[in-house]
Every structure is written in structure tokens, then in C-alpha cells.
Amino acid sequence: GLRNDVKVMVGGAPVTQSFCDSISADAYSQDAAGAAEVARTFVSCN
């Protein structure tokens, strides 16, 4: 019962945006800098 309480970001060499979408994760980034940018957008929306 926690899924709606947290944004889930996925990453790693074999992970893709389509895989992210298929498992219903909230975001994917292919690099560390991009991950930080995406994370900032999540908290700025709060």
C-alpha cells in the first residue's frame, strides 16, 4: 500500500525507457546527472 507514496526511478545499463514504462516506474534516466535533474522535478511539483 505504499506505491502512491513514493516516486520510483529506475536505471542501469540494460534498463530503457520502454522497460521503465512496462513496469510502471515513474522515471528512467540513462545517466547520473539526468537522474538528479528528474529527481528535482519531482520535489518541485510537491
PDB file of all heavy atoms in Angstrom:
ATOM      1  N   GLY A   1       0.795  -1.225   0.000  1.00  0.00           N
ATOM      2  CA  GLY A   1       0.000   0.000   0.000  1.00  0.00           C
ATOM      3  C   GLY A   1       0.828   1.275   0.000  1.00  0.00           C
ATOM      4  O   GLY A   1       0.362   2.342   0.399  1.00  0.00           O
ATOM      5  N   LEU A   2       2.079   1.178  -0.501  1.00  0.00           N
ATOM      6  CA  LEU A   2       2.996   2.319  -0.462  1.00  0.00           C
ATOM      7  C   LEU A   2       3.285   2.918  -1.840  1.00  0.00           C
ATOM      8  O   LEU A   2       3.975   3.930  -1.937  1.00  0.00           O
ATOM      9  CB  LEU A   2       4.341   1.886   0.157  1.00  0.00           C
ATOM     10  CG  LEU A   2       4.309   1.414   1.606  1.00  0.00           C
ATOM     11  CD1 LEU A   2       5.638   0.769   1.979  1.00  0.00           C
ATOM     12  CD2 LEU A   2       4.013   2.584   2.525  1.00  0.00           C
ATOM     13  N   ARG A   3       2.777   2.291  -2.896  1.00  0.00           N
ATOM     14  CA  ARG A   3       3.191   2.698  -4.243  1.00  0.00           C
ATOM     15  C   ARG A   3       2.882   4.165  -4.537  1.00  0.00           C
ATOM     16  O   ARG A   3       3.671   4.853  -5.199  1.00  0.00           O
ATOM     17  CB  ARG A   3       2.518   1.796  -5.284  1.00  0.00           C
ATOM     18  CG  ARG A   3       2.902   2.122  -6.732  1.00  0.00           C
ATOM     19  CD  ARG A   3       4.388   1.925  -6.970  1.00  0.00           C
ATOM     20  NE  ARG A   3       4.803   2.396  -8.289  1.00  0.00           N
ATOM     21  CZ  ARG A   3       5.254   3.613  -8.541  1.00  0.00           C
ATOM     22  NH1 ARG A   3       5.352   4.516  -7.564  1.00  0.00           N
ATOM     23  NH2 ARG A   3       5.619   3.960  -9.747  1.00  0.00           N
ATOM     24  N   ASN A   4       1.745   4.642  -4.045  1.00  0.00           N
ATOM     25  CA  ASN A   4       1.368   6.032  -4.341  1.00  0.00           C
ATOM     26  C   ASN A   4       2.087   7.047  -3.460  1.00  0.00           C
ATOM     27  O   ASN A   4       1.944   8.258  -3.660  1.00  0.00           O
ATOM     28  CB  ASN A   4      -0.142   6.217  -4.192  1.00  0.00           C
ATOM     29  CG  ASN A   4      -0.919   5.427  -5.233  1.00  0.00           C
ATOM     30  OD1 ASN A   4      -0.419   5.200  -6.336  1.00  0.00           O
ATOM     31  ND2 ASN A   4      -2.125   4.996  -4.889  1.00  0.00           N
ATOM     32  N   ASP A   5       2.859   6.553  -2.480  1.00  0.00           N
ATOM     33  CA  ASP A   5       3.542   7.449  -1.544  1.00  0.00           C
ATOM     34  C   ASP A   5       4.951   7.824  -1.991  1.00  0.00           C
ATOM     35  O   ASP A   5       5.577   8.692  -1.375  1.00  0.00           O
ATOM     36  CB  ASP A   5       3.640   6.796  -0.156  1.00  0.00           C
ATOM     37  CG  ASP A   5       2.277   6.520   0.446  1.00  0.00           C
ATOM     38  OD1 ASP A   5       1.304   7.186   0.029  1.00  0.00           O
ATOM     39  OD2 ASP A   5       2.179   5.640   1.316  1.00  0.00           O
ATOM     40  N   VAL A   6       5.471   7.171  -3.032  1.00  0.00           N
ATOM     41  CA  VAL A   6       6.869   7.387  -3.414  1.00  0.00           C
ATOM     42  C   VAL A   6       7.020   7.301  -4.928  1.00  0.00           C
ATOM     43  O   VAL A   6       6.384   6.483  -5.590  1.00  0.00           O
ATOM     44  CB  VAL A   6       7.789   6.346  -2.706  1.00  0.00           C
ATOM     45  CG1 VAL A   6       7.465   4.923  -3.145  1.00  0.00           C
ATOM     46  CG2 VAL A   6       9.260   6.654  -2.912  1.00  0.00           C
ATOM     47  N   LYS A   7       7.831   8.190  -5.484  1.00  0.00           N
ATOM     48  CA  LYS A   7       8.171   8.132  -6.909  1.00  0.00           C
ATOM     49  C   LYS A   7       9.297   7.111  -7.094  1.00  0.00           C
ATOM     50  O   LYS A   7      10.283   7.143  -6.344  1.00  0.00           O
ATOM     51  CB  LYS A   7       8.631   9.499  -7.416  1.00  0.00           C
ATOM     52  CG  LYS A   7       7.575  10.585  -7.349  1.00  0.00           C
ATOM     53  CD  LYS A   7       6.449  10.320  -8.335  1.00  0.00           C
ATOM     54  CE  LYS A   7       5.476  11.490  -8.394  1.00  0.00           C
ATOM     55  NZ  LYS A   7       4.339  11.205  -9.291  1.00  0.00           N
ATOM     56  N   VAL A   8       9.162   6.232  -8.056  1.00  0.00           N
ATOM     57  CA  VAL A   8      10.176   5.201  -8.296  1.00  0.00           C
ATOM     58  C   VAL A   8      10.934   5.524  -9.582  1.00  0.00           C
ATOM     59  O   VAL A   8      10.339   5.634 -10.659  1.00  0.00           O
ATOM     60  CB  VAL A   8       9.551   3.802  -8.396  1.00  0.00           C
ATOM     61  CG1 VAL A   8      10.639   2.757  -8.670  1.00  0.00           C
ATOM     62  CG2 VAL A   8       8.794   3.459  -7.120  1.00  0.00           C
ATOM     63  N   MET A   9      12.258   5.681  -9.438  1.00  0.00           N
ATOM     64  CA  MET A   9      13.135   5.906 -10.584  1.00  0.00           C
ATOM     65  C   MET A   9      13.998   4.671 -10.795  1.00  0.00           C
ATOM     66  O   MET A   9      14.488   4.078  -9.834  1.00  0.00           O
ATOM     67  CB  MET A   9      14.032   7.125 -10.339  1.00  0.00           C
ATOM     68  CG  MET A   9      13.269   8.426 -10.233  1.00  0.00           C
ATOM     69  SD  MET A   9      14.343   9.841  -9.844  1.00  0.00           S
ATOM     70  CE  MET A   9      15.474   9.820 -11.235  1.00  0.00           C
ATOM     71  N   VAL A  10      14.168   4.268 -12.054  1.00  0.00           N
ATOM     72  CA  VAL A  10      14.969   3.090 -12.367  1.00  0.00           C
ATOM     73  C   VAL A  10      16.101   3.468 -13.320  1.00  0.00           C
ATOM     74  O   VAL A  10      15.991   4.410 -14.095  1.00  0.00           O
ATOM     75  CB  VAL A  10      14.115   1.966 -12.985  1.00  0.00           C
ATOM     76  CG1 VAL A  10      13.109   1.441 -11.968  1.00  0.00           C
ATOM     77  CG2 VAL A  10      13.389   2.433 -14.252  1.00  0.00           C
ATOM     78  N   GLY A  11      17.201   2.689 -13.214  1.00  0.00           N
ATOM     79  CA  GLY A  11      18.329   2.933 -14.093  1.00  0.00           C
ATOM     80  C   GLY A  11      19.286   1.764 -14.082  1.00  0.00           C
ATOM     81  O   GLY A  11      19.101   0.788 -13.348  1.00  0.00           O
ATOM     82  N   GLY A  12      20.333   1.861 -14.912  1.00  0.00           N
ATOM     83  CA  GLY A  12      21.309   0.799 -15.063  1.00  0.00           C
ATOM     84  C   GLY A  12      21.499   0.495 -16.535  1.00  0.00           C
ATOM     85  O   GLY A  12      20.616   0.785 -17.349  1.00  0.00           O
ATOM     86  N   ALA A  13      22.621  -0.121 -16.875  1.00  0.00           N
ATOM     87  CA  ALA A  13      22.995  -0.333 -18.277  1.00  0.00           C
ATOM     88  C   ALA A  13      21.918  -0.986 -19.149  1.00  0.00           C
ATOM     89  O   ALA A  13      21.666  -0.523 -20.262  1.00  0.00           O
ATOM     90  CB  ALA A  13      24.293  -1.139 -18.347  1.00  0.00           C
ATOM     91  N   PRO A  14      21.243  -2.055 -18.690  1.00  0.00           N
ATOM     92  CA  PRO A  14      20.267  -2.704 -19.581  1.00  0.00           C
ATOM     93  C   PRO A  14      18.888  -2.043 -19.564  1.00  0.00           C
ATOM     94  O   PRO A  14      18.022  -2.395 -20.358  1.00  0.00           O
ATOM     95  CB  PRO A  14      20.171  -4.126 -19.019  1.00  0.00           C
ATOM     96  CG  PRO A  14      20.415  -3.952 -17.552  1.00  0.00           C
ATOM     97  CD  PRO A  14      21.385  -2.801 -17.417  1.00  0.00           C
ATOM     98  N   VAL A  15      18.677  -1.112 -18.645  1.00  0.00           N
ATOM     99  CA  VAL A  15      17.346  -0.509 -18.460  1.00  0.00           C
ATOM    100  C   VAL A  15      17.096   0.540 -19.538  1.00  0.00           C
ATOM    101  O   VAL A  15      17.987   1.294 -19.919  1.00  0.00           O
ATOM    102  CB  VAL A  15      17.222   0.106 -17.051  1.00  0.00           C
ATOM    103  CG1 VAL A  15      15.836   0.721 -16.841  1.00  0.00           C
ATOM    104  CG2 VAL A  15      17.495  -0.950 -15.986  1.00  0.00           C
ATOM    105  N   THR A  16      15.863   0.578 -20.032  1.00  0.00           N
ATOM    106  CA  THR A  16      15.475   1.544 -21.071  1.00  0.00           C
ATOM    107  C   THR A  16      14.179   2.237 -20.657  1.00  0.00           C
ATOM    108  O   THR A  16      13.513   1.817 -19.700  1.00  0.00           O
ATOM    109  CB  THR A  16      15.215   0.826 -22.407  1.00  0.00           C
ATOM    110  OG1 THR A  16      14.130  -0.112 -22.216  1.00  0.00           O
ATOM    111  CG2 THR A  16      16.455   0.084 -22.899  1.00  0.00           C
ATOM    112  N   GLN A  17      13.836   3.277 -21.406  1.00  0.00           N
ATOM    113  CA  GLN A  17      12.578   3.974 -21.134  1.00  0.00           C
ATOM    114  C   GLN A  17      11.391   3.034 -21.344  1.00  0.00           C
ATOM    115  O   GLN A  17      10.427   3.062 -20.569  1.00  0.00           O
ATOM    116  CB  GLN A  17      12.438   5.194 -22.045  1.00  0.00           C
ATOM    117  CG  GLN A  17      11.188   6.032 -21.781  1.00  0.00           C
ATOM    118  CD  GLN A  17      11.173   6.633 -20.382  1.00  0.00           C
ATOM    119  OE1 GLN A  17      12.093   7.351 -20.009  1.00  0.00           O
ATOM    120  NE2 GLN A  17      10.126   6.352 -19.601  1.00  0.00           N
ATOM    121  N   SER A  18      11.457   2.187 -22.355  1.00  0.00           N
ATOM    122  CA  SER A  18      10.333   1.282 -22.609  1.00  0.00           C
ATOM    123  C   SER A  18      10.179   0.260 -21.479  1.00  0.00           C
ATOM    124  O   SER A  18       9.067  -0.093 -21.091  1.00  0.00           O
ATOM    125  CB  SER A  18      10.482   0.574 -23.954  1.00  0.00           C
ATOM    126  OG  SER A  18      11.647  -0.208 -23.984  1.00  0.00           O
ATOM    127  N   PHE A  19      11.318  -0.208 -20.904  1.00  0.00           N
ATOM    128  CA  PHE A  19      11.249  -1.117 -19.762  1.00  0.00           C
ATOM    129  C   PHE A  19      10.652  -0.390 -18.555  1.00  0.00           C
ATOM    130  O   PHE A  19       9.806  -0.939 -17.840  1.00  0.00           O
ATOM    131  CB  PHE A  19      12.634  -1.659 -19.419  1.00  0.00           C
ATOM    132  CG  PHE A  19      12.641  -2.554 -18.205  1.00  0.00           C
ATOM    133  CD1 PHE A  19      12.144  -3.848 -18.270  1.00  0.00           C
ATOM    134  CD2 PHE A  19      13.125  -2.094 -16.986  1.00  0.00           C
ATOM    135  CE1 PHE A  19      12.117  -4.670 -17.150  1.00  0.00           C
ATOM    136  CE2 PHE A  19      13.113  -2.912 -15.861  1.00  0.00           C
ATOM    137  CZ  PHE A  19      12.614  -4.203 -15.947  1.00  0.00           C
ATOM    138  N   CYS A  20      11.085   0.840 -18.345  1.00  0.00           N
ATOM    139  CA  CYS A  20      10.546   1.679 -17.260  1.00  0.00           C
ATOM    140  C   CYS A  20       9.026   1.781 -17.385  1.00  0.00           C
ATOM    141  O   CYS A  20       8.295   1.589 -16.410  1.00  0.00           O
ATOM    142  CB  CYS A  20      11.198   3.060 -17.326  1.00  0.00           C
ATOM    143  SG  CYS A  20      10.400   4.325 -16.312  1.00  0.00           S
ATOM    144  N   ASP A  21       8.557   2.038 -18.595  1.00  0.00           N
ATOM    145  CA  ASP A  21       7.113   2.164 -18.826  1.00  0.00           C
ATOM    146  C   ASP A  21       6.402   0.832 -18.580  1.00  0.00           C
ATOM    147  O   ASP A  21       5.307   0.798 -18.010  1.00  0.00           O
ATOM    148  CB  ASP A  21       6.844   2.628 -20.263  1.00  0.00           C
ATOM    149  CG  ASP A  21       7.379   4.035 -20.531  1.00  0.00           C
ATOM    150  OD1 ASP A  21       7.585   4.785 -19.555  1.00  0.00           O
ATOM    151  OD2 ASP A  21       7.608   4.364 -21.711  1.00  0.00           O
ATOM    152  N   SER A  22       7.047  -0.258 -18.986  1.00  0.00           N
ATOM    153  CA  SER A  22       6.403  -1.576 -18.892  1.00  0.00           C
ATOM    154  C   SER A  22       6.204  -2.031 -17.448  1.00  0.00           C
ATOM    155  O   SER A  22       5.300  -2.815 -17.155  1.00  0.00           O
ATOM    156  CB  SER A  22       7.203  -2.630 -19.662  1.00  0.00           C
ATOM    157  OG  SER A  22       8.385  -2.981 -18.960  1.00  0.00           O
ATOM    158  N   ILE A  23       7.056  -1.551 -16.524  1.00  0.00           N
ATOM    159  CA  ILE A  23       6.918  -1.951 -15.115  1.00  0.00           C
ATOM    160  C   ILE A  23       6.238  -0.860 -14.274  1.00  0.00           C
ATOM    161  O   ILE A  23       6.173  -0.955 -13.054  1.00  0.00           O
ATOM    162  CB  ILE A  23       8.277  -2.340 -14.492  1.00  0.00           C
ATOM    163  CG1 ILE A  23       9.234  -1.140 -14.430  1.00  0.00           C
ATOM    164  CG2 ILE A  23       8.912  -3.502 -15.249  1.00  0.00           C
ATOM    165  CD1 ILE A  23      10.518  -1.410 -13.637  1.00  0.00           C
ATOM    166  N   SER A  24       5.769   0.176 -14.970  1.00  0.00           N
ATOM    167  CA  SER A  24       5.046   1.286 -14.318  1.00  0.00           C
ATOM    168  C   SER A  24       5.896   2.038 -13.298  1.00  0.00           C
ATOM    169  O   SER A  24       5.400   2.491 -12.261  1.00  0.00           O
ATOM    170  CB  SER A  24       3.766   0.783 -13.637  1.00  0.00           C
ATOM    171  OG  SER A  24       2.915   0.197 -14.586  1.00  0.00           O
ATOM    172  N   ALA A  25       7.204   2.171 -13.594  1.00  0.00           N
ATOM    173  CA  ALA A  25       8.053   3.066 -12.789  1.00  0.00           C
ATOM    174  C   ALA A  25       7.739   4.507 -13.194  1.00  0.00           C
ATOM    175  O   ALA A  25       7.146   4.747 -14.256  1.00  0.00           O
ATOM    176  CB  ALA A  25       9.517   2.741 -13.013  1.00  0.00           C
ATOM    177  N   ASP A  26       8.130   5.455 -12.359  1.00  0.00           N
ATOM    178  CA  ASP A  26       7.787   6.858 -12.636  1.00  0.00           C
ATOM    179  C   ASP A  26       8.781   7.554 -13.551  1.00  0.00           C
ATOM    180  O   ASP A  26       8.429   8.517 -14.228  1.00  0.00           O
ATOM    181  CB  ASP A  26       7.691   7.637 -11.313  1.00  0.00           C
ATOM    182  CG  ASP A  26       6.542   7.141 -10.461  1.00  0.00           C
ATOM    183  OD1 ASP A  26       5.383   7.297 -10.889  1.00  0.00           O
ATOM    184  OD2 ASP A  26       6.794   6.572  -9.386  1.00  0.00           O
ATOM    185  N   ALA A  27      10.037   7.080 -13.545  1.00  0.00           N
ATOM    186  CA  ALA A  27      11.034   7.767 -14.375  1.00  0.00           C
ATOM    187  C   ALA A  27      12.240   6.870 -14.619  1.00  0.00           C
ATOM    188  O   ALA A  27      12.541   5.967 -13.842  1.00  0.00           O
ATOM    189  CB  ALA A  27      11.486   9.063 -13.705  1.00  0.00           C
ATOM    190  N   TYR A  28      12.916   7.162 -15.720  1.00  0.00           N
ATOM    191  CA  TYR A  28      14.164   6.485 -16.094  1.00  0.00           C
ATOM    192  C   TYR A  28      15.163   7.553 -16.511  1.00  0.00           C
ATOM    193  O   TYR A  28      14.791   8.569 -17.098  1.00  0.00           O
ATOM    194  CB  TYR A  28      13.914   5.532 -17.270  1.00  0.00           C
ATOM    195  CG  TYR A  28      15.147   5.230 -18.100  1.00  0.00           C
ATOM    196  CD1 TYR A  28      16.106   4.334 -17.641  1.00  0.00           C
ATOM    197  CD2 TYR A  28      15.356   5.867 -19.320  1.00  0.00           C
ATOM    198  CE1 TYR A  28      17.245   4.068 -18.385  1.00  0.00           C
ATOM    199  CE2 TYR A  28      16.487   5.606 -20.075  1.00  0.00           C
ATOM    200  CZ  TYR A  28      17.430   4.706 -19.604  1.00  0.00           C
ATOM    201  OH  TYR A  28      18.560   4.450 -20.337  1.00  0.00           O
ATOM    202  N   SER A  29      16.421   7.338 -16.172  1.00  0.00           N
ATOM    203  CA  SER A  29      17.478   8.223 -16.676  1.00  0.00           C
ATOM    204  C   SER A  29      18.661   7.365 -17.080  1.00  0.00           C
ATOM    205  O   SER A  29      18.986   6.380 -16.419  1.00  0.00           O
ATOM    206  CB  SER A  29      17.911   9.228 -15.609  1.00  0.00           C
ATOM    207  OG  SER A  29      18.970  10.020 -16.116  1.00  0.00           O
ATOM    208  N   GLN A  30      19.290   7.747 -18.183  1.00  0.00           N
ATOM    209  CA  GLN A  30      20.419   6.943 -18.662  1.00  0.00           C
ATOM    210  C   GLN A  30      21.737   7.376 -18.039  1.00  0.00           C
ATOM    211  O   GLN A  30      22.750   6.714 -18.201  1.00  0.00           O
ATOM    212  CB  GLN A  30      20.521   7.005 -20.188  1.00  0.00           C
ATOM    213  CG  GLN A  30      20.837   8.382 -20.738  1.00  0.00           C
ATOM    214  CD  GLN A  30      20.933   8.383 -22.261  1.00  0.00           C
ATOM    215  OE1 GLN A  30      20.676   7.373 -22.902  1.00  0.00           O
ATOM    216  NE2 GLN A  30      21.313   9.517 -22.823  1.00  0.00           N
ATOM    217  N   ASP A  31      21.739   8.480 -17.283  1.00  0.00           N
ATOM    218  CA  ASP A  31      22.984   8.890 -16.626  1.00  0.00           C
ATOM    219  C   ASP A  31      22.689   9.573 -15.291  1.00  0.00           C
ATOM    220  O   ASP A  31      21.561   9.946 -14.995  1.00  0.00           O
ATOM    221  CB  ASP A  31      23.820   9.812 -17.531  1.00  0.00           C
ATOM    222  CG  ASP A  31      23.075  11.071 -17.942  1.00  0.00           C
ATOM    223  OD1 ASP A  31      22.657  11.822 -17.044  1.00  0.00           O
ATOM    224  OD2 ASP A  31      22.916  11.312 -19.153  1.00  0.00           O
ATOM    225  N   ALA A  32      23.760   9.713 -14.495  1.00  0.00           N
ATOM    226  CA  ALA A  32      23.617  10.213 -13.122  1.00  0.00           C
ATOM    227  C   ALA A  32      23.146  11.668 -13.077  1.00  0.00           C
ATOM    228  O   ALA A  32      22.308  12.031 -12.251  1.00  0.00           O
ATOM    229  CB  ALA A  32      24.952  10.068 -12.387  1.00  0.00           C
ATOM    230  N   ALA A  33      23.701  12.491 -13.957  1.00  0.00           N
ATOM    231  CA  ALA A  33      23.316  13.906 -13.957  1.00  0.00           C
ATOM    232  C   ALA A  33      21.843  14.061 -14.320  1.00  0.00           C
ATOM    233  O   ALA A  33      21.112  14.858 -13.723  1.00  0.00           O
ATOM    234  CB  ALA A  33      24.187  14.695 -14.930  1.00  0.00           C
ATOM    235  N   GLY A  34      21.400  13.266 -15.298  1.00  0.00           N
ATOM    236  CA  GLY A  34      19.993  13.306 -15.698  1.00  0.00           C
ATOM    237  C   GLY A  34      19.077  12.855 -14.583  1.00  0.00           C
ATOM    238  O   GLY A  34      17.983  13.395 -14.400  1.00  0.00           O
ATOM    239  N   ALA A  35      19.526  11.860 -13.820  1.00  0.00           N
ATOM    240  CA  ALA A  35      18.726  11.355 -12.699  1.00  0.00           C
ATOM    241  C   ALA A  35      18.477  12.452 -11.669  1.00  0.00           C
ATOM    242  O   ALA A  35      17.371  12.595 -11.146  1.00  0.00           O
ATOM    243  CB  ALA A  35      19.429  10.168 -12.044  1.00  0.00           C
ATOM    244  N   ALA A  36      19.515  13.238 -11.379  1.00  0.00           N
ATOM    245  CA  ALA A  36      19.373  14.334 -10.417  1.00  0.00           C
ATOM    246  C   ALA A  36      18.393  15.389 -10.931  1.00  0.00           C
ATOM    247  O   ALA A  36      17.580  15.923 -10.170  1.00  0.00           O
ATOM    248  CB  ALA A  36      20.734  14.961 -10.128  1.00  0.00           C
ATOM    249  N   GLU A  37      18.444  15.664 -12.227  1.00  0.00           N
ATOM    250  CA  GLU A  37      17.524  16.651 -12.822  1.00  0.00           C
ATOM    251  C   GLU A  37      16.071  16.183 -12.701  1.00  0.00           C
ATOM    252  O   GLU A  37      15.176  16.944 -12.336  1.00  0.00           O
ATOM    253  CB  GLU A  37      17.871  16.869 -14.301  1.00  0.00           C
ATOM    254  CG  GLU A  37      19.161  17.638 -14.528  1.00  0.00           C
ATOM    255  CD  GLU A  37      19.595  17.609 -15.983  1.00  0.00           C
ATOM    256  OE1 GLU A  37      18.764  17.263 -16.857  1.00  0.00           O
ATOM    257  OE2 GLU A  37      20.764  17.914 -16.253  1.00  0.00           O
ATOM    258  N   VAL A  38      15.853  14.885 -13.006  1.00  0.00           N
ATOM    259  CA  VAL A  38      14.497  14.331 -12.913  1.00  0.00           C
ATOM    260  C   VAL A  38      14.006  14.366 -11.466  1.00  0.00           C
ATOM    261  O   VAL A  38      12.862  14.739 -11.185  1.00  0.00           O
ATOM    262  CB  VAL A  38      14.457  12.887 -13.456  1.00  0.00           C
ATOM    263  CG1 VAL A  38      13.092  12.249 -13.196  1.00  0.00           C
ATOM    264  CG2 VAL A  38      14.761  12.866 -14.950  1.00  0.00           C
ATOM    265  N   ALA A  39      14.881  13.993 -10.548  1.00  0.00           N
ATOM    266  CA  ALA A  39      14.510  13.979  -9.132  1.00  0.00           C
ATOM    267  C   ALA A  39      14.088  15.373  -8.663  1.00  0.00           C
ATOM    268  O   ALA A  39      13.117  15.516  -7.908  1.00  0.00           O
ATOM    269  CB  ALA A  39      15.682  13.459  -8.286  1.00  0.00           C
ATOM    270  N   ARG A  40      14.783  16.381  -9.107  1.00  0.00           N
ATOM    271  CA  ARG A  40      14.438  17.766  -8.728  1.00  0.00           C
ATOM    272  C   ARG A  40      13.037  18.125  -9.214  1.00  0.00           C
ATOM    273  O   ARG A  40      12.293  18.831  -8.536  1.00  0.00           O
ATOM    274  CB  ARG A  40      15.464  18.749  -9.286  1.00  0.00           C
ATOM    275  CG  ARG A  40      16.773  18.766  -8.548  1.00  0.00           C
ATOM    276  CD  ARG A  40      17.708  19.842  -9.101  1.00  0.00           C
ATOM    277  NE  ARG A  40      17.287  21.150  -8.661  1.00  0.00           N
ATOM    278  CZ  ARG A  40      17.850  21.825  -7.661  1.00  0.00           C
ATOM    279  NH1 ARG A  40      18.837  21.299  -7.001  1.00  0.00           N
ATOM    280  NH2 ARG A  40      17.418  23.008  -7.316  1.00  0.00           N
ATOM    281  N   THR A  41      12.667  17.639 -10.415  1.00  0.00           N
ATOM    282  CA  THR A  41      11.328  17.969 -10.926  1.00  0.00           C
ATOM    283  C   THR A  41      10.247  17.335 -10.059  1.00  0.00           C
ATOM    284  O   THR A  41       9.180  17.915  -9.867  1.00  0.00           O
ATOM    285  CB  THR A  41      11.138  17.499 -12.380  1.00  0.00           C
ATOM    286  OG1 THR A  41      11.161  16.078 -12.445  1.00  0.00           O
ATOM    287  CG2 THR A  41      12.198  18.073 -13.293  1.00  0.00           C
ATOM    288  N   PHE A  42      10.522  16.166  -9.501  1.00  0.00           N
ATOM    289  CA  PHE A  42       9.530  15.512  -8.642  1.00  0.00           C
ATOM    290  C   PHE A  42       9.276  16.306  -7.369  1.00  0.00           C
ATOM    291  O   PHE A  42       8.137  16.451  -6.959  1.00  0.00           O
ATOM    292  CB  PHE A  42       9.977  14.090  -8.280  1.00  0.00           C
ATOM    293  CG  PHE A  42       9.800  13.086  -9.380  1.00  0.00           C
ATOM    294  CD1 PHE A  42      10.754  12.109  -9.613  1.00  0.00           C
ATOM    295  CD2 PHE A  42       8.672  13.114 -10.203  1.00  0.00           C
ATOM    296  CE1 PHE A  42      10.589  11.175 -10.632  1.00  0.00           C
ATOM    297  CE2 PHE A  42       8.496  12.198 -11.217  1.00  0.00           C
ATOM    298  CZ  PHE A  42       9.463  11.218 -11.434  1.00  0.00           C
ATOM    299  N   VAL A  43      10.339  16.816  -6.743  1.00  0.00           N
ATOM    300  CA  VAL A  43      10.114  17.547  -5.483  1.00  0.00           C
ATOM    301  C   VAL A  43       9.620  18.966  -5.746  1.00  0.00           C
ATOM    302  O   VAL A  43       8.937  19.537  -4.900  1.00  0.00           O
ATOM    303  CB  VAL A  43      11.374  17.568  -4.586  1.00  0.00           C
ATOM    304  CG1 VAL A  43      11.705  16.174  -4.087  1.00  0.00           C
ATOM    305  CG2 VAL A  43      12.572  18.179  -5.271  1.00  0.00           C
ATOM    306  N   SER A  44       9.934  19.523  -6.902  1.00  0.00           N
ATOM    307  CA  SER A  44       9.464  20.880  -7.198  1.00  0.00           C
ATOM    308  C   SER A  44       7.976  20.877  -7.496  1.00  0.00           C
ATOM    309  O   SER A  44       7.308  21.897  -7.438  1.00  0.00           O
ATOM    310  CB  SER A  44      10.231  21.490  -8.382  1.00  0.00           C
ATOM    311  OG  SER A  44       9.948  20.785  -9.573  1.00  0.00           O
ATOM    312  N   CYS A  45       7.452  19.685  -7.817  1.00  0.00           N
ATOM    313  CA  CYS A  45       5.998  19.574  -8.083  1.00  0.00           C
ATOM    314  C   CYS A  45       5.198  19.466  -6.799  1.00  0.00           C
ATOM    315  O   CYS A  45       3.984  19.576  -6.799  1.00  0.00           O
ATOM    316  CB  CYS A  45       5.713  18.317  -8.923  1.00  0.00           C
ATOM    317  SG  CYS A  45       6.412  18.399 -10.572  1.00  0.00           S
ATOM    318  N   ASN A  46       5.895  19.176  -5.668  1.00  0.00           N
ATOM    319  CA  ASN A  46       5.180  18.977  -4.393  1.00  0.00           C
ATOM    320  C   ASN A  46       4.651  20.294  -3.858  1.00  0.00           C
ATOM    321  O   ASN A  46       5.236  21.313  -4.055  1.00  0.00           O
ATOM    322  CB  ASN A  46       6.113  18.345  -3.351  1.00  0.00           C
ATOM    323  CG  ASN A  46       6.438  16.897  -3.724  1.00  0.00           C
ATOM    324  OD1 ASN A  46       5.754  16.311  -4.556  1.00  0.00           O
ATOM    325  ND2 ASN A  46       7.465  16.342  -3.109  1.00  0.00           N
TER     326      ASN A  46
END
